[in-house]
Amino acid sequence: MKPLILVTGASGFVGWHVASLLVEKGYRVRAMVRPTSQLKELDVERVPGDLRDSASLEKAVVGCAGVFHVAADYRLWSKHPKDMYLSNVDGTRNLLEAARRNGVERVVYTSTVGCIGFKDGELADENSPVNVAAMTGHYKRSKFLAEMAALQFAQENFPVVIVNPTAPIGDHDSKPTPTGKTIVDFLRGDMPAYLDTGLNLVDVRNVAEGHLLAFEKGIIGERYILGCENLTLQQILERLGKQSNRRAPKVKIPYAVAYMAALASTGWAEVSGNPPRVPLEAVRMAKKKMWVSCDKAKRELGYLPTNVDAALKRAVDWFQGNGYC
């Protein structure tokens, strides 16, 4: 019988797919979720927990041979940014300490491609120079600090491997993530224009496979980018148009116009307390094309991502089938 594995964030997009794949591969899975979270279509043991509650983390890791720490406070705007650091940074440290105390044999920490160093005109990889000053906004900064905490545990000989997914797409993006929201906005007809920016898209199922490969083959203390195709936003919208039989926008918005719109939208959010329609953090991130190479994961893990068109189609069908648009 395969060992018991803890997955944090199993009610989220990537976490759901990681838990689903582990069940498919015969692992016994314990999912740590908040009491109000739902776990649809997953045959797993459910345990309530919160990254800010050390006692709940102790209970969650007991008896587990491995941990996939996927949970994160993923927002591009927050009225109370301190909460993001409490969950993403302190929470990661709390979980790793609990795992170490309880003899967990291996941890895969889910970081983000946003923690990779980017330079215009070049493909970034795991060795691209980067520091906390280069992190745009509280989400990326909190994830960078959490990644540094995970690396510190690895330097202290605790078996932690880090994965850096790019922009995952596919089914079961229930929140949705910022990338999923872009798809929903397109399907609703709420994207009359586009910015000159770029992302690396990846099928969320490939991201889950990359997590398992990192668990089985990853080198302690190493980072692995889990991505697939580098595309401009215009190319992404054109592919979405083909998958949904909708017309992609042809108008390109100047960056300065998008920035001013985001400034106004985010300013109003600070007053109203409601999330901005156009987060300033998202526009700032869009100034650079977040294009990467995932050759290291292919070479060291045997990671083999597939074309993203099928994932785009699954995303379109899932959002339309679940009342998002």
Protein backbone atom coordinates (compact mmCIF):
# COMPACT_ATOMS: atom_id res chain seq x y z
CA MET A 1 0.00 0.00 0.00
CA LYS A 2 1.28 3.45 -0.89
CA PRO A 3 1.87 5.93 1.95
CA LEU A 4 -0.41 8.63 3.30
CA ILE A 5 0.15 12.04 1.70
CA LEU A 6 -1.09 15.42 2.94
CA VAL A 7 -2.21 17.97 0.35
CA THR A 8 -2.86 21.52 1.50
CA GLY A 9 -5.15 23.63 -0.67
CA ALA A 10 -6.94 20.63 -2.17
CA SER A 11 -10.09 22.72 -2.66
CA GLY A 12 -8.14 25.09 -4.92
CA PHE A 13 -7.36 24.76 -8.61
CA VAL A 14 -3.87 23.23 -8.63
CA GLY A 15 -4.36 21.49 -5.28
CA TRP A 16 -7.51 19.74 -6.51
CA HIS A 17 -5.64 18.33 -9.49
CA VAL A 18 -2.65 17.28 -7.38
CA ALA A 19 -4.94 15.42 -4.95
CA SER A 20 -6.89 13.86 -7.81
CA LEU A 21 -3.71 12.58 -9.48
CA LEU A 22 -2.38 11.14 -6.23
CA VAL A 23 -5.64 9.23 -5.69
CA GLU A 24 -5.46 7.98 -9.28
CA LYS A 25 -1.91 6.71 -8.65
CA GLY A 26 -2.98 4.78 -5.57
CA TYR A 27 -1.77 7.08 -2.78
CA ARG A 28 -3.85 7.58 0.33
CA VAL A 29 -4.59 11.29 0.44
CA ARG A 30 -5.41 13.53 3.36
CA ALA A 31 -6.68 16.95 2.30
CA MET A 32 -6.24 19.89 4.66
CA VAL A 33 -8.94 22.48 4.00
CA ARG A 34 -10.73 25.22 5.85
CA PRO A 35 -14.01 24.16 7.48
CA THR A 36 -16.07 26.06 4.89
CA SER A 37 -14.27 24.60 1.87
CA GLN A 38 -15.79 21.94 -0.36
CA LEU A 39 -14.04 18.94 -1.88
CA LYS A 40 -16.11 17.90 -4.86
CA GLU A 41 -15.38 14.67 -6.73
CA LEU A 42 -12.41 13.74 -4.51
CA ASP A 43 -12.25 10.48 -2.53
CA VAL A 44 -9.88 11.69 0.20
CA GLU A 45 -9.66 12.01 3.95
CA ARG A 46 -10.63 15.51 4.92
CA VAL A 47 -9.01 17.32 7.86
CA PRO A 48 -9.80 20.91 8.88
CA GLY A 49 -6.84 23.23 9.16
CA ASP A 50 -5.50 26.72 8.70
CA LEU A 51 -1.93 27.71 7.87
CA ARG A 52 -2.10 30.35 10.61
CA ASP A 53 -3.09 27.75 13.23
CA SER A 54 -0.03 25.70 14.25
CA ALA A 55 -2.07 23.23 16.30
CA SER A 56 -4.20 22.30 13.28
CA LEU A 57 -1.05 21.74 11.21
CA GLU A 58 0.33 19.33 13.81
CA LYS A 59 -2.84 17.24 13.54
CA ALA A 60 -2.80 17.37 9.74
CA VAL A 61 0.74 16.01 9.27
CA VAL A 62 0.60 13.17 11.83
CA GLY A 63 1.20 9.86 10.09
CA CYS A 64 1.99 11.39 6.69
CA ALA A 65 5.04 10.30 4.70
CA GLY A 66 4.83 13.26 2.33
CA VAL A 67 3.34 16.71 2.05
CA PHE A 68 2.33 18.71 -1.00
CA HIS A 69 2.03 22.29 0.22
CA VAL A 70 -0.13 23.84 -2.50
CA ALA A 71 -2.29 26.18 -0.42
CA ALA A 72 -1.73 29.92 -0.73
CA ASP A 73 -3.56 33.20 -0.40
CA TYR A 74 -3.60 33.99 -4.13
CA ARG A 75 -5.00 37.46 -4.74
CA LEU A 76 -3.71 40.39 -6.77
CA TRP A 77 -5.36 42.82 -4.37
CA SER A 78 -6.09 42.69 -0.66
CA LYS A 79 -7.53 45.31 1.65
CA HIS A 80 -5.42 43.79 4.43
CA PRO A 81 -2.10 42.64 2.87
CA LYS A 82 -0.79 41.48 6.25
CA ASP A 83 -3.17 38.50 6.04
CA MET A 84 -1.39 37.36 2.87
CA TYR A 85 1.98 37.30 4.63
CA LEU A 86 0.53 35.47 7.63
CA SER A 87 -0.78 32.68 5.38
CA ASN A 88 1.88 32.51 2.68
CA VAL A 89 5.06 33.17 4.67
CA ASP A 90 4.36 32.37 8.31
CA GLY A 91 1.96 29.59 7.31
CA THR A 92 4.57 27.90 5.11
CA ARG A 93 7.11 28.09 7.92
CA ASN A 94 4.55 26.70 10.40
CA LEU A 95 3.72 23.76 8.15
CA LEU A 96 7.35 22.88 7.44
CA GLU A 97 8.17 23.00 11.14
CA ALA A 98 5.25 20.68 11.90
CA ALA A 99 6.32 18.33 9.09
CA ARG A 100 9.89 18.21 10.38
CA ARG A 101 8.79 17.54 13.95
CA ASN A 102 6.56 14.68 12.79
CA GLY A 103 9.11 12.92 10.61
CA VAL A 104 7.64 13.69 7.18
CA GLU A 105 9.99 12.18 4.61
CA ARG A 106 9.52 14.64 1.76
CA VAL A 107 7.76 17.94 1.00
CA VAL A 108 6.93 19.53 -2.33
CA TYR A 109 6.36 23.27 -1.95
CA THR A 110 4.30 25.01 -4.63
CA SER A 111 5.81 28.39 -5.37
CA THR A 112 5.04 30.46 -8.49
CA VAL A 113 6.75 31.52 -11.70
CA GLY A 114 6.44 35.05 -10.33
CA CYS A 115 9.42 34.25 -8.08
CA ILE A 116 11.66 33.72 -11.10
CA GLY A 117 13.80 36.59 -12.37
CA PHE A 118 12.60 38.15 -15.63
CA LYS A 119 14.51 40.29 -18.11
CA ASP A 120 12.99 41.76 -21.27
CA GLY A 121 13.87 39.83 -24.41
CA GLU A 122 15.17 36.74 -22.60
CA LEU A 123 13.69 33.44 -21.48
CA ALA A 124 13.91 33.12 -17.71
CA ASP A 125 14.88 29.94 -15.92
CA GLU A 126 15.62 28.73 -12.40
CA ASN A 127 19.04 30.43 -12.41
CA SER A 128 17.87 33.88 -13.54
CA PRO A 129 19.03 36.52 -11.01
CA VAL A 130 16.22 37.71 -8.74
CA ASN A 131 15.66 39.30 -5.34
CA VAL A 132 12.75 40.44 -3.21
CA ALA A 133 13.02 43.99 -4.57
CA ALA A 134 12.01 42.66 -8.00
CA MET A 135 8.73 41.26 -6.67
CA THR A 136 5.70 43.25 -7.87
CA GLY A 137 3.00 43.50 -5.23
CA HIS A 138 2.18 41.66 -2.03
CA TYR A 139 1.28 38.30 -3.55
CA LYS A 140 4.58 37.83 -5.39
CA ARG A 141 6.54 39.27 -2.47
CA SER A 142 4.87 36.95 0.04
CA LYS A 143 5.47 33.92 -2.19
CA PHE A 144 9.11 34.89 -2.68
CA LEU A 145 9.63 35.13 1.08
CA ALA A 146 7.85 31.79 1.53
CA GLU A 147 10.13 30.23 -1.07
CA MET A 148 13.16 31.58 0.80
CA ALA A 149 11.81 29.96 3.97
CA ALA A 150 11.40 26.63 2.16
CA LEU A 151 14.96 26.85 0.82
CA GLN A 152 16.23 27.51 4.34
CA PHE A 153 14.61 24.28 5.54
CA ALA A 154 16.26 22.44 2.64
CA GLN A 155 19.65 23.93 3.59
CA GLU A 156 19.07 22.52 7.06
CA ASN A 157 18.74 19.04 5.46
CA PHE A 158 14.97 18.82 5.60
CA PRO A 159 13.81 17.26 2.28
CA VAL A 160 11.98 20.09 0.51
CA VAL A 161 11.65 20.37 -3.29
CA ILE A 162 10.19 23.49 -4.90
CA VAL A 163 8.07 23.74 -8.03
CA ASN A 164 7.25 26.99 -9.83
CA PRO A 165 4.14 26.60 -11.99
CA THR A 166 3.51 29.18 -14.71
CA ALA A 167 -0.12 30.03 -15.59
CA PRO A 168 -2.18 26.83 -15.29
CA ILE A 169 -5.43 26.41 -17.22
CA GLY A 170 -8.09 23.72 -17.36
CA ASP A 171 -11.13 22.42 -15.53
CA HIS A 172 -12.11 22.91 -11.86
CA ASP A 173 -10.77 26.46 -11.57
CA SER A 174 -13.61 27.26 -9.21
CA LYS A 175 -12.46 30.52 -7.62
CA PRO A 176 -11.29 31.29 -10.45
CA THR A 177 -7.57 32.14 -10.51
CA PRO A 178 -6.52 35.37 -12.25
CA THR A 179 -5.74 33.39 -15.41
CA GLY A 180 -9.10 31.66 -15.19
CA LYS A 181 -10.80 35.01 -14.70
CA THR A 182 -9.23 36.19 -17.97
CA ILE A 183 -10.91 33.24 -19.69
CA VAL A 184 -14.24 33.96 -17.98
CA ASP A 185 -14.06 37.65 -18.92
CA PHE A 186 -13.37 36.67 -22.54
CA LEU A 187 -16.32 34.28 -22.59
CA ARG A 188 -18.59 36.98 -21.13
CA GLY A 189 -17.52 39.47 -23.77
CA ASP A 190 -15.81 41.67 -21.18
CA MET A 191 -12.48 41.92 -23.01
CA PRO A 192 -12.86 44.39 -25.88
CA ALA A 193 -9.08 44.99 -26.02
CA TYR A 194 -5.77 43.51 -24.87
CA LEU A 195 -2.39 44.53 -23.48
CA ASP A 196 0.91 43.77 -25.16
CA THR A 197 2.06 41.22 -22.61
CA GLY A 198 2.82 37.54 -22.49
CA LEU A 199 2.41 34.47 -20.30
CA ASN A 200 3.58 30.91 -20.24
CA LEU A 201 0.47 28.72 -20.25
CA VAL A 202 0.39 25.14 -19.03
CA ASP A 203 -2.26 22.46 -18.65
CA VAL A 204 -3.09 22.15 -14.95
CA ARG A 205 -2.96 18.37 -15.34
CA ASN A 206 0.68 18.70 -16.44
CA VAL A 207 1.32 20.86 -13.37
CA ALA A 208 -0.07 18.09 -11.16
CA GLU A 209 2.14 15.54 -12.95
CA GLY A 210 5.12 17.82 -12.39
CA HIS A 211 4.36 17.91 -8.67
CA LEU A 212 4.39 14.11 -8.47
CA LEU A 213 7.61 13.92 -10.49
CA ALA A 214 9.22 16.43 -8.13
CA PHE A 215 8.11 14.27 -5.19
CA GLU A 216 9.57 11.14 -6.76
CA LYS A 217 12.68 12.49 -8.50
CA GLY A 218 13.34 16.09 -7.47
CA ILE A 219 16.63 17.10 -5.84
CA ILE A 220 16.29 18.55 -2.34
CA GLY A 221 16.57 22.33 -2.36
CA GLU A 222 16.14 22.63 -6.13
CA ARG A 223 13.48 24.64 -7.99
CA TYR A 224 11.64 23.36 -11.08
CA ILE A 225 9.61 25.53 -13.45
CA LEU A 226 6.44 23.72 -14.56
CA GLY A 227 5.30 25.40 -17.76
CA CYS A 228 4.66 24.77 -21.44
CA GLU A 229 3.97 27.43 -24.10
CA ASN A 230 5.15 31.04 -24.19
CA LEU A 231 2.33 33.09 -25.75
CA THR A 232 1.38 36.72 -26.06
CA LEU A 233 -1.98 37.70 -24.59
CA GLN A 234 -3.20 38.33 -28.12
CA GLN A 235 -2.28 34.76 -29.11
CA ILE A 236 -4.02 33.38 -26.02
CA LEU A 237 -7.22 35.26 -26.84
CA GLU A 238 -7.10 34.09 -30.46
CA ARG A 239 -6.81 30.47 -29.30
CA LEU A 240 -9.69 31.03 -26.89
CA GLY A 241 -11.70 32.41 -29.78
CA LYS A 242 -11.15 29.22 -31.76
CA GLN A 243 -12.12 27.03 -28.79
CA SER A 244 -15.28 28.99 -28.01
CA ASN A 245 -16.36 30.23 -31.46
CA ARG A 246 -16.00 33.84 -30.31
CA ARG A 247 -14.16 36.72 -31.88
CA ALA A 248 -10.87 37.72 -30.25
CA PRO A 249 -10.35 41.46 -29.64
CA LYS A 250 -8.27 43.33 -32.22
CA VAL A 251 -7.61 46.54 -30.28
CA LYS A 252 -4.38 46.88 -28.29
CA ILE A 253 -4.49 49.11 -25.19
CA PRO A 254 -1.43 51.32 -24.56
CA TYR A 255 0.22 50.42 -21.26
CA ALA A 256 -0.21 53.97 -19.93
CA VAL A 257 -3.98 53.79 -20.46
CA ALA A 258 -4.22 50.41 -18.72
CA TYR A 259 -2.10 51.72 -15.85
CA MET A 260 -4.32 54.75 -15.29
CA ALA A 261 -7.45 52.60 -15.41
CA ALA A 262 -5.93 50.20 -12.86
CA LEU A 263 -4.86 53.09 -10.66
CA ALA A 264 -8.44 54.39 -10.57
CA SER A 265 -9.95 50.92 -10.12
CA THR A 266 -7.61 49.97 -7.29
CA GLY A 267 -8.03 53.38 -5.64
CA TRP A 268 -11.79 52.89 -5.55
CA ALA A 269 -11.31 49.39 -4.12
CA GLU A 270 -9.37 50.86 -1.21
CA VAL A 271 -12.39 53.05 -0.45
CA SER A 272 -15.18 50.54 -1.11
CA GLY A 273 -13.49 47.40 0.16
CA ASN A 274 -14.54 45.50 -2.98
CA PRO A 275 -11.87 43.90 -5.23
CA PRO A 276 -10.88 46.12 -8.17
CA ARG A 277 -12.08 45.29 -11.65
CA VAL A 278 -8.54 46.02 -12.89
CA PRO A 279 -5.94 45.37 -10.13
CA LEU A 280 -2.93 47.64 -10.33
CA GLU A 281 -0.71 44.73 -9.37
CA ALA A 282 -1.87 42.79 -12.43
CA VAL A 283 -1.08 45.67 -14.79
CA ARG A 284 2.35 46.16 -13.24
CA MET A 285 3.07 42.46 -13.70
CA ALA A 286 1.97 42.70 -17.33
CA LYS A 287 4.75 45.15 -18.13
CA LYS A 288 7.09 42.19 -18.67
CA LYS A 289 6.41 39.11 -20.73
CA MET A 290 6.68 36.25 -18.23
CA TRP A 291 8.26 33.78 -20.64
CA VAL A 292 10.33 30.92 -19.32
CA SER A 293 12.16 27.72 -20.13
CA CYS A 294 11.13 24.51 -18.38
CA ASP A 295 14.10 22.51 -19.73
CA LYS A 296 15.39 21.73 -16.23
CA ALA A 297 12.16 19.96 -15.26
CA LYS A 298 12.18 18.06 -18.54
CA ARG A 299 15.81 17.03 -18.10
CA GLU A 300 15.87 16.16 -14.38
CA LEU A 301 12.28 15.04 -13.73
CA GLY A 302 11.17 13.65 -17.06
CA TYR A 303 8.47 16.35 -17.20
CA LEU A 304 6.63 16.26 -20.56
CA PRO A 305 3.99 19.00 -20.90
CA THR A 306 1.39 18.76 -23.63
CA ASN A 307 -0.08 21.36 -25.99
CA VAL A 308 -2.32 23.81 -24.14
CA ASP A 309 -5.19 23.85 -26.66
CA ALA A 310 -6.91 20.87 -25.04
CA ALA A 311 -6.62 22.55 -21.63
CA LEU A 312 -8.12 25.77 -23.02
CA LYS A 313 -11.04 23.74 -24.40
CA ARG A 314 -11.56 22.01 -21.04
CA ALA A 315 -11.50 25.39 -19.31
CA VAL A 316 -14.06 26.84 -21.73
CA ASP A 317 -16.35 23.83 -21.37
CA TRP A 318 -16.02 23.75 -17.58
CA PHE A 319 -16.71 27.47 -17.07
CA GLN A 320 -19.67 27.36 -19.46
CA GLY A 321 -21.00 24.17 -17.90
CA ASN A 322 -20.80 25.55 -14.36
CA GLY A 323 -22.56 28.85 -14.87
CA TYR A 324 -19.61 31.23 -14.98
CA CYS A 325 -20.63 32.82 -18.24
